[in-house]
């Protein structure tokens, strides 16, 4: 996947994660893209390391959103401290 595809996936995953998590997250669309990319990387590393799925499976999308939600919670906790 090229850089444009990565950015598009990051935007979609980050937007879904921000929609799923209640409350207001003060970040722009660039941070949303970075959140989605980071969540995808986190989920891909953990999911493949545990053998839950391989590259290209639809479960990767679900885990990417969950990974982005986890990152969003961590960032929210760090900003409050």
Protein backbone atom coordinates (compact mmCIF):
# COMPACT_ATOMS: atom_id res chain seq x y z
CA UNK A 1 0.00 0.00 0.00
CA UNK A 2 1.32 3.42 -0.90
CA UNK A 3 1.50 6.53 1.19
CA UNK A 4 -1.87 7.80 -0.06
CA UNK A 5 -3.52 4.50 0.92
CA UNK A 6 -1.90 4.63 4.35
CA UNK A 7 -3.14 8.18 4.90
CA UNK A 8 -6.65 7.26 3.76
CA UNK A 9 -6.79 4.20 6.03
CA UNK A 10 -5.41 6.29 8.92
CA UNK A 11 -8.10 8.91 8.41
CA UNK A 12 -10.90 6.33 8.31
CA UNK A 13 -9.65 4.37 11.32
CA UNK A 14 -8.92 7.53 13.34
CA UNK A 15 -12.33 9.01 12.56
CA UNK A 16 -14.12 5.80 13.58
CA UNK A 17 -12.11 5.63 16.82
CA UNK A 18 -12.96 9.25 17.66
CA UNK A 19 -16.63 8.58 16.90
CA UNK A 20 -16.72 5.42 19.07
CA UNK A 21 -15.04 6.99 22.10
CA UNK A 22 -17.40 9.34 23.96
CA UNK A 23 -16.30 12.83 24.84
CA UNK A 24 -14.51 15.58 22.99
CA UNK A 25 -11.06 14.96 21.60
CA UNK A 26 -9.41 18.21 20.60
CA UNK A 27 -7.37 17.26 17.58
CA UNK A 28 -7.38 18.18 13.93
CA UNK A 29 -7.57 15.93 10.93
CA UNK A 30 -3.79 15.46 10.74
CA UNK A 31 -3.72 14.15 14.32
CA UNK A 32 -6.72 11.96 13.46
CA UNK A 33 -4.73 10.47 10.57
CA UNK A 34 -1.71 9.89 12.82
CA UNK A 35 -3.99 8.33 15.45
CA UNK A 36 -5.40 5.93 12.86
CA UNK A 37 -1.99 5.00 11.50
CA UNK A 38 -0.63 4.45 15.01
CA UNK A 39 -3.64 2.34 15.97
CA UNK A 40 -3.22 0.25 12.83
CA UNK A 41 0.46 -0.30 13.54
CA UNK A 42 -0.22 -1.23 17.16
CA UNK A 43 -3.04 -3.61 16.26
CA UNK A 44 -1.09 -5.14 13.39
CA UNK A 45 1.92 -5.83 15.58
CA UNK A 46 -0.10 -7.32 18.45
CA UNK A 47 -2.58 -9.26 16.30
CA UNK A 48 0.03 -10.83 14.08
CA UNK A 49 2.40 -11.56 16.97
CA UNK A 50 -0.37 -13.47 18.76
CA UNK A 51 -1.40 -15.25 15.55
CA UNK A 52 -4.96 -13.89 15.57
CA UNK A 53 -4.87 -12.94 11.90
CA UNK A 54 -2.59 -12.41 8.94
CA UNK A 55 -2.06 -9.44 6.63
CA UNK A 56 -5.13 -8.50 4.60
CA UNK A 57 -7.84 -10.10 6.72
CA UNK A 58 -10.93 -8.01 7.61
CA UNK A 59 -10.25 -8.54 11.32
CA UNK A 60 -7.33 -6.17 10.85
CA UNK A 61 -9.76 -3.27 10.37
CA UNK A 62 -11.57 -4.06 13.60
CA UNK A 63 -8.34 -4.39 15.52
CA UNK A 64 -7.03 -1.18 13.96
CA UNK A 65 -10.00 0.73 15.33
CA UNK A 66 -9.52 -0.90 18.74
CA UNK A 67 -5.82 -0.02 18.65
CA UNK A 68 -6.67 3.59 17.81
CA UNK A 69 -9.21 3.71 20.66
CA UNK A 70 -6.53 2.44 23.05
CA UNK A 71 -4.13 5.12 21.85
CA UNK A 72 -6.84 7.75 22.19
CA UNK A 73 -7.50 6.71 25.80
CA UNK A 74 -3.78 6.78 26.60
CA UNK A 75 -3.37 10.24 25.04
CA UNK A 76 -6.43 11.48 26.95
CA UNK A 77 -5.00 10.22 30.24
CA UNK A 78 -1.59 11.77 29.54
CA UNK A 79 -3.11 15.15 28.68
CA UNK A 80 -5.08 15.23 31.95
CA UNK A 81 -2.04 14.54 34.12
